Amino acid sequence: MIRFSPDFLENFLAVVRKYMQLRGGLTQKDLSEKMNVGISTMSRFLNLKTSNVDEQLVANLIATLEIPLHEIIDGVEEESTETLKRLVQFYKEQRPTDEEPEAPRPGDGPKKTNATINVGGRKQQMPFGEASAGITRTELSMREKLETLSPRQKAYLNDFLNLDVNDRDLIVDLGDSIFRYFRQRNIQF
């Protein structure tokens, strides 16, 4: 977990806005599309409507806008700087290069599925995997399944694998309970 100083978010967002202008006057929508993040998520974050700092989103913004780390590193606690650097590098590696084909656009292939769940009396939309045309996820090899993960999912998997055995078991038990709940409610994903 990356620790940020109390005033990090305001200073970071000022730097983000500066680089949005420097990178061609990007709008929130443009930026969310480049990062493959929901527009509402981006809007909430950029307008300080979030209660905590999402380190994944921060690293993705730094990588996408190519923000030099020296511009924001003062707001990161010293013991967290290496973790932030690794996370930013991870997102930079996920960025398509000029030789790579552009990422598929919505409607060009696999479809995402959403489920409406009721958590604590509030309804929420939850996105789930992708359904490939003619290929089920069970037919894919482990390597192919890993390649279909988004950068955020890969970062989560990396965090999960860095846990000790007892913490991994706790996460697996929690996930198992959630899947059992969805199956009982006949939620398909």
N, C-alpha and C. Protein backbone atom coordinates (compact mmCIF):
# COMPACT_ATOMS: atom_id res chain seq x y z
N MET A 1 0.84 -1.18 0.00
CA MET A 1 0.00 0.00 0.00
C MET A 1 0.89 1.24 0.00
N ILE A 2 0.55 2.15 -0.86
CA ILE A 2 1.33 3.38 -0.98
C ILE A 2 0.74 4.43 -0.04
N ARG A 3 1.62 5.08 0.71
CA ARG A 3 1.17 6.12 1.64
C ARG A 3 1.47 7.49 1.04
N PHE A 4 0.43 8.34 1.08
CA PHE A 4 0.55 9.68 0.53
C PHE A 4 0.43 10.70 1.66
N SER A 5 1.01 11.88 1.47
CA SER A 5 0.87 12.95 2.45
C SER A 5 -0.57 13.47 2.40
N PRO A 6 -1.03 14.13 3.47
CA PRO A 6 -2.42 14.60 3.53
C PRO A 6 -2.81 15.55 2.39
N ASP A 7 -1.89 16.37 1.93
CA ASP A 7 -2.24 17.32 0.87
C ASP A 7 -1.85 16.82 -0.52
N PHE A 8 -1.52 15.53 -0.64
CA PHE A 8 -1.07 14.97 -1.91
C PHE A 8 -2.09 15.14 -3.01
N LEU A 9 -3.35 14.79 -2.74
CA LEU A 9 -4.36 14.73 -3.79
C LEU A 9 -4.55 16.07 -4.48
N GLU A 10 -4.66 17.15 -3.71
CA GLU A 10 -4.85 18.47 -4.32
C GLU A 10 -3.66 18.84 -5.19
N ASN A 11 -2.45 18.65 -4.69
CA ASN A 11 -1.25 18.97 -5.47
C ASN A 11 -1.14 18.08 -6.71
N PHE A 12 -1.44 16.80 -6.54
CA PHE A 12 -1.35 15.87 -7.66
C PHE A 12 -2.34 16.25 -8.76
N LEU A 13 -3.56 16.60 -8.37
CA LEU A 13 -4.57 16.95 -9.37
C LEU A 13 -4.19 18.22 -10.13
N ALA A 14 -3.51 19.15 -9.47
CA ALA A 14 -3.03 20.35 -10.16
C ALA A 14 -2.00 19.94 -11.23
N VAL A 15 -1.12 19.02 -10.89
CA VAL A 15 -0.12 18.54 -11.85
C VAL A 15 -0.82 17.79 -12.99
N VAL A 16 -1.82 16.98 -12.67
CA VAL A 16 -2.56 16.23 -13.69
C VAL A 16 -3.21 17.21 -14.67
N ARG A 17 -3.86 18.24 -14.17
CA ARG A 17 -4.51 19.23 -15.06
C ARG A 17 -3.48 19.92 -15.95
N LYS A 18 -2.33 20.22 -15.38
CA LYS A 18 -1.25 20.85 -16.16
C LYS A 18 -0.84 19.94 -17.32
N TYR A 19 -0.65 18.66 -17.03
CA TYR A 19 -0.21 17.73 -18.07
C TYR A 19 -1.33 17.37 -19.04
N MET A 20 -2.58 17.47 -18.60
CA MET A 20 -3.69 17.29 -19.54
C MET A 20 -3.62 18.37 -20.62
N GLN A 21 -3.28 19.59 -20.21
CA GLN A 21 -3.14 20.69 -21.17
C GLN A 21 -1.89 20.49 -22.03
N LEU A 22 -0.79 20.12 -21.41
CA LEU A 22 0.46 19.93 -22.16
C LEU A 22 0.37 18.79 -23.17
N ARG A 23 -0.43 17.81 -22.91
CA ARG A 23 -0.56 16.65 -23.79
C ARG A 23 -1.67 16.82 -24.82
N GLY A 24 -2.01 18.06 -25.13
CA GLY A 24 -2.96 18.32 -26.21
C GLY A 24 -4.33 18.77 -25.75
N GLY A 25 -4.43 19.27 -24.54
CA GLY A 25 -5.73 19.74 -24.05
C GLY A 25 -6.73 18.61 -23.86
N LEU A 26 -6.30 17.54 -23.24
CA LEU A 26 -7.17 16.38 -23.03
C LEU A 26 -8.35 16.73 -22.13
N THR A 27 -9.51 16.21 -22.44
CA THR A 27 -10.67 16.34 -21.56
C THR A 27 -10.70 15.13 -20.63
N GLN A 28 -11.59 15.18 -19.64
CA GLN A 28 -11.74 14.03 -18.74
C GLN A 28 -12.13 12.80 -19.53
N LYS A 29 -12.99 12.98 -20.52
CA LYS A 29 -13.44 11.86 -21.35
C LYS A 29 -12.27 11.28 -22.14
N ASP A 30 -11.46 12.16 -22.76
CA ASP A 30 -10.29 11.69 -23.51
C ASP A 30 -9.36 10.89 -22.60
N LEU A 31 -9.11 11.43 -21.43
CA LEU A 31 -8.20 10.79 -20.49
C LEU A 31 -8.75 9.44 -20.03
N SER A 32 -10.04 9.39 -19.72
CA SER A 32 -10.62 8.12 -19.27
C SER A 32 -10.56 7.06 -20.37
N GLU A 33 -10.73 7.48 -21.63
CA GLU A 33 -10.64 6.53 -22.73
C GLU A 33 -9.20 6.04 -22.92
N LYS A 34 -8.23 6.94 -22.81
CA LYS A 34 -6.82 6.55 -22.93
C LYS A 34 -6.41 5.57 -21.85
N MET A 35 -6.99 5.75 -20.66
CA MET A 35 -6.62 4.92 -19.51
C MET A 35 -7.50 3.69 -19.36
N ASN A 36 -8.56 3.60 -20.17
CA ASN A 36 -9.52 2.50 -20.04
C ASN A 36 -10.16 2.48 -18.66
N VAL A 37 -10.58 3.67 -18.22
CA VAL A 37 -11.22 3.86 -16.92
C VAL A 37 -12.57 4.52 -17.19
N GLY A 38 -13.56 4.21 -16.39
CA GLY A 38 -14.88 4.81 -16.56
C GLY A 38 -14.85 6.33 -16.42
N ILE A 39 -15.68 6.98 -17.21
CA ILE A 39 -15.74 8.45 -17.19
C ILE A 39 -16.16 8.95 -15.81
N SER A 40 -17.13 8.28 -15.19
CA SER A 40 -17.60 8.72 -13.87
C SER A 40 -16.50 8.55 -12.82
N THR A 41 -15.72 7.49 -12.93
CA THR A 41 -14.60 7.28 -12.00
C THR A 41 -13.59 8.41 -12.15
N MET A 42 -13.27 8.74 -13.40
CA MET A 42 -12.31 9.81 -13.66
C MET A 42 -12.85 11.15 -13.15
N SER A 43 -14.11 11.42 -13.40
CA SER A 43 -14.71 12.68 -12.97
C SER A 43 -14.69 12.81 -11.45
N ARG A 44 -15.09 11.74 -10.75
CA ARG A 44 -15.09 11.77 -9.28
C ARG A 44 -13.68 12.02 -8.75
N PHE A 45 -12.70 11.37 -9.34
CA PHE A 45 -11.33 11.52 -8.87
C PHE A 45 -10.81 12.93 -9.13
N LEU A 46 -11.00 13.44 -10.36
CA LEU A 46 -10.46 14.75 -10.71
C LEU A 46 -11.19 15.90 -10.01
N ASN A 47 -12.40 15.66 -9.54
CA ASN A 47 -13.16 16.69 -8.85
C ASN A 47 -13.20 16.50 -7.34
N LEU A 48 -12.26 15.71 -6.82
CA LEU A 48 -12.10 15.47 -5.37
C LEU A 48 -13.37 14.94 -4.72
N LYS A 49 -14.08 14.06 -5.40
CA LYS A 49 -15.30 13.47 -4.85
C LYS A 49 -15.04 12.09 -4.28
N THR A 50 -13.76 11.76 -4.07
CA THR A 50 -13.41 10.46 -3.50
C THR A 50 -12.89 10.66 -2.08
N SER A 51 -13.11 9.66 -1.25
CA SER A 51 -12.70 9.79 0.14
C SER A 51 -11.25 9.36 0.37
N ASN A 52 -10.70 8.58 -0.57
CA ASN A 52 -9.30 8.16 -0.41
C ASN A 52 -8.60 8.19 -1.76
N VAL A 53 -7.29 8.09 -1.71
CA VAL A 53 -6.47 8.15 -2.92
C VAL A 53 -6.36 6.74 -3.50
N ASP A 54 -6.78 6.55 -4.74
CA ASP A 54 -6.69 5.27 -5.42
C ASP A 54 -5.30 5.17 -6.06
N GLU A 55 -4.41 4.39 -5.45
CA GLU A 55 -3.03 4.31 -5.91
C GLU A 55 -2.93 3.76 -7.33
N GLN A 56 -3.86 2.87 -7.72
CA GLN A 56 -3.86 2.34 -9.08
C GLN A 56 -4.15 3.45 -10.09
N LEU A 57 -5.14 4.27 -9.76
CA LEU A 57 -5.52 5.37 -10.65
C LEU A 57 -4.40 6.42 -10.72
N VAL A 58 -3.77 6.69 -9.59
CA VAL A 58 -2.65 7.65 -9.55
C VAL A 58 -1.53 7.15 -10.46
N ALA A 59 -1.14 5.89 -10.32
CA ALA A 59 -0.05 5.34 -11.14
C ALA A 59 -0.42 5.33 -12.62
N ASN A 60 -1.66 4.99 -12.92
CA ASN A 60 -2.12 4.97 -14.30
C ASN A 60 -2.09 6.37 -14.90
N LEU A 61 -2.50 7.37 -14.12
CA LEU A 61 -2.46 8.76 -14.60
C LEU A 61 -1.02 9.20 -14.87
N ILE A 62 -0.12 8.87 -13.96
CA ILE A 62 1.29 9.25 -14.13
C ILE A 62 1.85 8.62 -15.40
N ALA A 63 1.55 7.34 -15.62
CA ALA A 63 2.05 6.63 -16.80
C ALA A 63 1.43 7.17 -18.08
N THR A 64 0.12 7.39 -18.07
CA THR A 64 -0.59 7.83 -19.27
C THR A 64 -0.19 9.23 -19.69
N LEU A 65 -0.10 10.14 -18.72
CA LEU A 65 0.25 11.52 -19.03
C LEU A 65 1.76 11.75 -19.08
N GLU A 66 2.51 10.69 -18.78
CA GLU A 66 3.97 10.77 -18.77
C GLU A 66 4.45 11.90 -17.85
N ILE A 67 3.90 11.92 -16.65
CA ILE A 67 4.27 12.92 -15.65
C ILE A 67 5.60 12.52 -15.02
N PRO A 68 6.59 13.40 -15.05
CA PRO A 68 7.86 13.08 -14.39
C PRO A 68 7.64 12.89 -12.88
N LEU A 69 8.22 11.85 -12.33
CA LEU A 69 8.00 11.54 -10.91
C LEU A 69 8.47 12.66 -9.99
N HIS A 70 9.46 13.44 -10.41
CA HIS A 70 9.94 14.50 -9.53
C HIS A 70 8.87 15.56 -9.26
N GLU A 71 7.83 15.61 -10.10
CA GLU A 71 6.77 16.59 -9.90
C GLU A 71 5.80 16.21 -8.79
N ILE A 72 5.73 14.93 -8.46
CA ILE A 72 4.74 14.48 -7.47
C ILE A 72 5.34 13.72 -6.30
N ILE A 73 6.60 13.36 -6.40
CA ILE A 73 7.20 12.44 -5.42
C ILE A 73 7.23 13.02 -4.00
N ASP A 74 7.22 14.35 -3.87
CA ASP A 74 7.23 14.95 -2.53
C ASP A 74 5.98 14.60 -1.72
N GLY A 75 4.89 14.27 -2.40
CA GLY A 75 3.66 13.92 -1.71
C GLY A 75 3.55 12.45 -1.34
N VAL A 76 4.59 11.68 -1.65
CA VAL A 76 4.59 10.25 -1.36
C VAL A 76 5.54 9.99 -0.20
N GLU A 77 5.07 9.24 0.79
CA GLU A 77 5.92 8.92 1.94
C GLU A 77 7.15 8.16 1.46
N GLU A 78 8.27 8.38 2.10
CA GLU A 78 9.56 7.85 1.64
C GLU A 78 9.56 6.34 1.46
N GLU A 79 8.94 5.60 2.39
CA GLU A 79 8.96 4.14 2.29
C GLU A 79 8.05 3.63 1.17
N SER A 80 7.25 4.51 0.57
CA SER A 80 6.34 4.09 -0.50
C SER A 80 6.82 4.47 -1.90
N THR A 81 7.93 5.19 -2.00
CA THR A 81 8.34 5.69 -3.31
C THR A 81 8.71 4.55 -4.27
N GLU A 82 9.39 3.54 -3.80
CA GLU A 82 9.76 2.43 -4.68
C GLU A 82 8.53 1.68 -5.18
N THR A 83 7.54 1.50 -4.31
CA THR A 83 6.31 0.82 -4.71
C THR A 83 5.60 1.63 -5.79
N LEU A 84 5.53 2.95 -5.62
CA LEU A 84 4.90 3.80 -6.62
C LEU A 84 5.66 3.73 -7.94
N LYS A 85 6.97 3.76 -7.89
CA LYS A 85 7.77 3.68 -9.12
C LYS A 85 7.50 2.38 -9.86
N ARG A 86 7.44 1.26 -9.12
CA ARG A 86 7.17 -0.03 -9.76
C ARG A 86 5.77 -0.06 -10.37
N LEU A 87 4.80 0.50 -9.67
CA LEU A 87 3.43 0.51 -10.18
C LEU A 87 3.32 1.38 -11.43
N VAL A 88 3.98 2.54 -11.43
CA VAL A 88 3.98 3.41 -12.61
C VAL A 88 4.65 2.68 -13.78
N GLN A 89 5.77 2.01 -13.50
CA GLN A 89 6.46 1.27 -14.55
C GLN A 89 5.56 0.17 -15.12
N PHE A 90 4.81 -0.48 -14.26
CA PHE A 90 3.87 -1.51 -14.70
C PHE A 90 2.87 -0.92 -15.69
N TYR A 91 2.28 0.23 -15.35
CA TYR A 91 1.31 0.86 -16.24
C TYR A 91 1.96 1.36 -17.53
N LYS A 92 3.20 1.82 -17.45
CA LYS A 92 3.90 2.25 -18.67
C LYS A 92 4.10 1.07 -19.61
N GLU A 93 4.42 -0.08 -19.05
CA GLU A 93 4.61 -1.27 -19.88
C GLU A 93 3.31 -1.73 -20.52
N GLN A 94 2.18 -1.38 -19.92
CA GLN A 94 0.89 -1.78 -20.47
C GLN A 94 0.42 -0.86 -21.59
N ARG A 95 1.04 0.32 -21.70
CA ARG A 95 0.66 1.29 -22.73
C ARG A 95 1.03 0.73 -24.10
N PRO A 96 0.13 0.85 -25.09
CA PRO A 96 0.47 0.37 -26.42
C PRO A 96 1.57 1.23 -27.04
N THR A 97 2.48 0.59 -27.75
CA THR A 97 3.52 1.33 -28.45
C THR A 97 3.06 1.55 -29.88
N ASP A 98 3.84 2.28 -30.66
CA ASP A 98 3.46 2.56 -32.04
C ASP A 98 3.35 1.30 -32.88
N GLU A 99 4.15 0.27 -32.56
CA GLU A 99 4.12 -0.96 -33.35
C GLU A 99 2.90 -1.82 -33.02
N GLU A 100 2.36 -1.67 -31.81
CA GLU A 100 1.24 -2.50 -31.40
C GLU A 100 -0.05 -1.97 -31.98
N PRO A 101 -0.97 -2.86 -32.34
CA PRO A 101 -2.26 -2.39 -32.82
C PRO A 101 -3.03 -1.73 -31.68
N GLU A 102 -3.89 -0.82 -32.03
CA GLU A 102 -4.69 -0.10 -31.03
C GLU A 102 -5.61 -1.08 -30.32
N ALA A 103 -5.88 -0.83 -29.07
CA ALA A 103 -6.76 -1.70 -28.28
C ALA A 103 -8.15 -1.71 -28.92
N PRO A 104 -8.85 -2.85 -28.84
CA PRO A 104 -10.18 -2.91 -29.43
C PRO A 104 -11.14 -1.92 -28.78
N ARG A 105 -12.00 -1.38 -29.57
CA ARG A 105 -13.00 -0.43 -29.09
C ARG A 105 -14.25 -1.20 -28.66
N PRO A 106 -15.07 -0.59 -27.78
CA PRO A 106 -16.31 -1.25 -27.39
C PRO A 106 -17.15 -1.60 -28.61
N GLY A 107 -17.66 -2.84 -28.62
CA GLY A 107 -18.49 -3.27 -29.72
C GLY A 107 -17.69 -3.98 -30.80
N ASP A 108 -16.35 -3.99 -30.73
CA ASP A 108 -15.51 -4.62 -31.74
C ASP A 108 -15.26 -6.09 -31.48
N GLY A 109 -15.67 -6.63 -30.40
CA GLY A 109 -15.35 -8.03 -30.13
C GLY A 109 -15.96 -8.48 -28.84
N PRO A 110 -15.11 -8.89 -27.89
CA PRO A 110 -15.64 -9.40 -26.63
C PRO A 110 -16.53 -8.39 -25.92
N LYS A 111 -17.54 -8.89 -25.28
CA LYS A 111 -18.50 -8.04 -24.58
C LYS A 111 -18.30 -8.15 -23.08
N LYS A 112 -18.52 -7.06 -22.40
CA LYS A 112 -18.47 -7.07 -20.94
C LYS A 112 -19.88 -7.27 -20.42
N THR A 113 -19.97 -7.92 -19.29
CA THR A 113 -21.26 -8.18 -18.67
C THR A 113 -21.33 -7.43 -17.35
N ASN A 114 -22.48 -6.86 -17.06
CA ASN A 114 -22.69 -6.17 -15.78
C ASN A 114 -23.75 -6.89 -14.98
N ALA A 115 -23.59 -6.87 -13.69
CA ALA A 115 -24.59 -7.42 -12.78
C ALA A 115 -24.99 -6.33 -11.80
N THR A 116 -26.26 -6.27 -11.50
CA THR A 116 -26.74 -5.35 -10.48
C THR A 116 -26.85 -6.12 -9.18
N ILE A 117 -26.13 -5.66 -8.17
CA ILE A 117 -26.17 -6.33 -6.88
C ILE A 117 -26.65 -5.36 -5.82
N ASN A 118 -27.19 -5.91 -4.77
CA ASN A 118 -27.69 -5.11 -3.66
C ASN A 118 -26.75 -5.33 -2.48
N VAL A 119 -26.00 -4.30 -2.12
CA VAL A 119 -25.06 -4.40 -1.01
C VAL A 119 -25.45 -3.38 0.04
N GLY A 120 -25.81 -3.86 1.20
CA GLY A 120 -26.18 -2.96 2.29
C GLY A 120 -27.36 -2.05 1.95
N GLY A 121 -28.29 -2.55 1.16
CA GLY A 121 -29.46 -1.76 0.81
C GLY A 121 -29.25 -0.83 -0.38
N ARG A 122 -28.04 -0.83 -0.95
CA ARG A 122 -27.75 0.01 -2.11
C ARG A 122 -27.49 -0.88 -3.31
N LYS A 123 -28.08 -0.52 -4.45
CA LYS A 123 -27.84 -1.26 -5.67
C LYS A 123 -26.59 -0.74 -6.34
N GLN A 124 -25.75 -1.67 -6.82
CA GLN A 124 -24.52 -1.30 -7.50
C GLN A 124 -24.39 -2.12 -8.77
N GLN A 125 -23.77 -1.52 -9.78
CA GLN A 125 -23.44 -2.23 -11.01
C GLN A 125 -22.03 -2.77 -10.87
N MET A 126 -21.85 -4.04 -11.17
CA MET A 126 -20.52 -4.65 -11.12
C MET A 126 -20.18 -5.21 -12.48
N PRO A 127 -19.07 -4.75 -13.08
CA PRO A 127 -18.67 -5.33 -14.37
C PRO A 127 -17.97 -6.67 -14.15
N PHE A 128 -18.17 -7.57 -15.10
CA PHE A 128 -17.53 -8.87 -15.03
C PHE A 128 -16.91 -9.18 -16.37
N GLY A 129 -15.81 -9.93 -16.32
CA GLY A 129 -15.04 -10.43 -17.44
C GLY A 129 -15.52 -10.13 -18.83
N GLU A 130 -15.01 -10.87 -19.76
CA GLU A 130 -15.36 -10.71 -21.15
C GLU A 130 -15.78 -12.07 -21.69
N ALA A 131 -16.80 -12.06 -22.51
CA ALA A 131 -17.24 -13.28 -23.16
C ALA A 131 -16.69 -13.27 -24.57
N SER A 132 -15.78 -14.16 -24.88
CA SER A 132 -15.17 -14.22 -26.20
C SER A 132 -16.10 -14.92 -27.16
N ALA A 133 -16.06 -14.51 -28.40
CA ALA A 133 -16.92 -15.10 -29.43
C ALA A 133 -16.49 -16.55 -29.66
N GLY A 134 -17.32 -17.50 -29.26
CA GLY A 134 -17.06 -18.90 -29.51
C GLY A 134 -16.08 -19.57 -28.57
N ILE A 135 -15.41 -18.84 -27.71
CA ILE A 135 -14.44 -19.44 -26.79
C ILE A 135 -14.86 -19.14 -25.36
N THR A 136 -15.01 -20.17 -24.57
CA THR A 136 -15.34 -19.94 -23.16
C THR A 136 -14.04 -19.81 -22.39
N ARG A 137 -14.12 -19.17 -21.24
CA ARG A 137 -12.91 -18.94 -20.44
C ARG A 137 -12.30 -20.26 -19.97
N THR A 138 -13.12 -21.32 -19.84
CA THR A 138 -12.57 -22.59 -19.38
C THR A 138 -11.72 -23.26 -20.46
N GLU A 139 -11.89 -22.87 -21.74
CA GLU A 139 -11.10 -23.44 -22.82
C GLU A 139 -9.74 -22.77 -22.96
N LEU A 140 -9.53 -21.64 -22.31
CA LEU A 140 -8.27 -20.91 -22.42
C LEU A 140 -7.22 -21.49 -21.48
N SER A 141 -5.96 -21.44 -21.88
CA SER A 141 -4.88 -21.86 -20.99
C SER A 141 -4.69 -20.80 -19.92
N MET A 142 -3.93 -21.12 -18.90
CA MET A 142 -3.68 -20.17 -17.81
C MET A 142 -2.99 -18.92 -18.38
N ARG A 143 -2.02 -19.10 -19.26
CA ARG A 143 -1.31 -17.95 -19.86
C ARG A 143 -2.30 -17.06 -20.63
N GLU A 144 -3.21 -17.67 -21.40
CA GLU A 144 -4.19 -16.90 -22.17
C GLU A 144 -5.14 -16.15 -21.24
N LYS A 145 -5.52 -16.78 -20.15
CA LYS A 145 -6.38 -16.12 -19.18
C LYS A 145 -5.67 -14.92 -18.56
N LEU A 146 -4.39 -15.08 -18.21
CA LEU A 146 -3.62 -13.97 -17.64
C LEU A 146 -3.48 -12.82 -18.62
N GLU A 147 -3.34 -13.13 -19.90
CA GLU A 147 -3.20 -12.09 -20.92
C GLU A 147 -4.49 -11.29 -21.11
N THR A 148 -5.64 -11.85 -20.72
CA THR A 148 -6.90 -11.13 -20.88
C THR A 148 -7.18 -10.18 -19.71
N LEU A 149 -6.35 -10.22 -18.67
CA LEU A 149 -6.56 -9.35 -17.52
C LEU A 149 -6.23 -7.89 -17.86
N SER A 150 -6.98 -6.98 -17.27
CA SER A 150 -6.68 -5.56 -17.43
C SER A 150 -5.47 -5.21 -16.56
N PRO A 151 -4.83 -4.06 -16.80
CA PRO A 151 -3.70 -3.67 -15.95
C PRO A 151 -4.08 -3.60 -14.48
N ARG A 152 -5.27 -3.14 -14.18
CA ARG A 152 -5.70 -3.05 -12.78
C ARG A 152 -5.83 -4.44 -12.17
N GLN A 153 -6.38 -5.38 -12.95
CA GLN A 153 -6.51 -6.75 -12.46
C GLN A 153 -5.14 -7.39 -12.26
N LYS A 154 -4.20 -7.12 -13.17
CA LYS A 154 -2.84 -7.65 -13.02
C LYS A 154 -2.17 -7.09 -11.77
N ALA A 155 -2.38 -5.81 -11.51
CA ALA A 155 -1.79 -5.20 -10.31
C ALA A 155 -2.39 -5.84 -9.05
N TYR A 156 -3.70 -6.11 -9.07
CA TYR A 156 -4.34 -6.76 -7.94
C TYR A 156 -3.76 -8.16 -7.75
N LEU A 157 -3.59 -8.88 -8.85
CA LEU A 157 -3.04 -10.22 -8.77
C LEU A 157 -1.62 -10.19 -8.20
N ASN A 158 -0.85 -9.20 -8.61
CA ASN A 158 0.50 -9.03 -8.08
C ASN A 158 0.45 -8.78 -6.58
N ASP A 159 -0.46 -7.89 -6.13
CA ASP A 159 -0.60 -7.64 -4.69
C ASP A 159 -1.00 -8.92 -3.95
N PHE A 160 -1.93 -9.68 -4.54
CA PHE A 160 -2.40 -10.92 -3.93
C PHE A 160 -1.24 -11.91 -3.77
N LEU A 161 -0.42 -12.06 -4.81
CA LEU A 161 0.68 -13.02 -4.77
C LEU A 161 1.77 -12.60 -3.79
N ASN A 162 1.84 -11.32 -3.45
CA ASN A 162 2.83 -10.85 -2.49
C ASN A 162 2.38 -11.02 -1.04
N LEU A 163 1.14 -11.45 -0.82
CA LEU A 163 0.64 -11.69 0.54
C LEU A 163 1.22 -12.99 1.09
N ASP A 164 1.20 -13.11 2.43
CA ASP A 164 1.61 -14.40 2.99
C ASP A 164 0.44 -15.39 2.85
N VAL A 165 0.68 -16.65 3.15
CA VAL A 165 -0.28 -17.72 2.90
C VAL A 165 -1.60 -17.47 3.64
N ASN A 166 -1.55 -17.06 4.90
CA ASN A 166 -2.78 -16.84 5.67
C ASN A 166 -3.61 -15.71 5.09
N ASP A 167 -2.95 -14.64 4.64
CA ASP A 167 -3.69 -13.52 4.05
C ASP A 167 -4.31 -13.92 2.72
N ARG A 168 -3.59 -14.73 1.93
CA ARG A 168 -4.16 -15.22 0.67
C ARG A 168 -5.40 -16.06 0.95
N ASP A 169 -5.31 -16.94 1.96
CA ASP A 169 -6.47 -17.77 2.30
C ASP A 169 -7.66 -16.92 2.71
N LEU A 170 -7.41 -15.85 3.43
CA LEU A 170 -8.49 -14.95 3.84
C LEU A 170 -9.17 -14.33 2.61
N ILE A 171 -8.37 -13.87 1.66
CA ILE A 171 -8.92 -13.28 0.43
C ILE A 171 -9.70 -14.33 -0.36
N VAL A 172 -9.16 -15.55 -0.47
CA VAL A 172 -9.84 -16.62 -1.19
C VAL A 172 -11.17 -16.95 -0.52
N ASP A 173 -11.19 -17.02 0.81
CA ASP A 173 -12.43 -17.31 1.52
C ASP A 173 -13.47 -16.22 1.28
N LEU A 174 -13.03 -14.98 1.30
CA LEU A 174 -13.94 -13.86 1.04
C LEU A 174 -14.49 -13.94 -0.38
N GLY A 175 -13.62 -14.19 -1.35
CA GLY A 175 -14.05 -14.31 -2.74
C GLY A 175 -15.01 -15.47 -2.93
N ASP A 176 -14.72 -16.59 -2.28
CA ASP A 176 -15.59 -17.76 -2.37
C ASP A 176 -16.99 -17.43 -1.84
N SER A 177 -17.05 -16.70 -0.76
CA SER A 177 -18.35 -16.30 -0.19
C SER A 177 -19.11 -15.40 -1.16
N ILE A 178 -18.41 -14.49 -1.80
CA ILE A 178 -19.06 -13.59 -2.76
C ILE A 178 -19.59 -14.39 -3.95
N PHE A 179 -18.78 -15.32 -4.50
CA PHE A 179 -19.24 -16.14 -5.63
C PHE A 179 -20.44 -17.00 -5.24
N ARG A 180 -20.41 -17.57 -4.04
CA ARG A 180 -21.54 -18.37 -3.57
C ARG A 180 -22.80 -17.52 -3.49
N TYR A 181 -22.67 -16.30 -3.00
CA TYR A 181 -23.82 -15.38 -2.91
C TYR A 181 -24.39 -15.12 -4.30
N PHE A 182 -23.50 -14.85 -5.27
CA PHE A 182 -23.96 -14.57 -6.64
C PHE A 182 -24.68 -15.79 -7.23
N ARG A 183 -24.14 -16.98 -6.98
CA ARG A 183 -24.77 -18.19 -7.52
C ARG A 183 -26.14 -18.40 -6.89
N GLN A 184 -26.27 -18.14 -5.58
CA GLN A 184 -27.55 -18.30 -4.91
C GLN A 184 -28.59 -17.34 -5.48
N ARG A 185 -28.15 -16.17 -5.91
CA ARG A 185 -29.06 -15.15 -6.47
C ARG A 185 -29.21 -15.30 -7.99
N ASN A 186 -28.63 -16.37 -8.53
CA ASN A 186 -28.67 -16.63 -9.97
C ASN A 186 -28.12 -15.48 -10.80
N ILE A 187 -27.06 -14.86 -10.31
CA ILE A 187 -26.39 -13.80 -11.06
C ILE A 187 -25.34 -14.47 -11.93
N GLN A 188 -25.48 -14.32 -13.22
CA GLN A 188 -24.56 -14.95 -14.17
C GLN A 188 -23.48 -13.97 -14.59
N PHE A 189 -22.25 -14.43 -14.61
CA PHE A 189 -21.15 -13.63 -15.12
C PHE A 189 -20.09 -14.52 -15.69
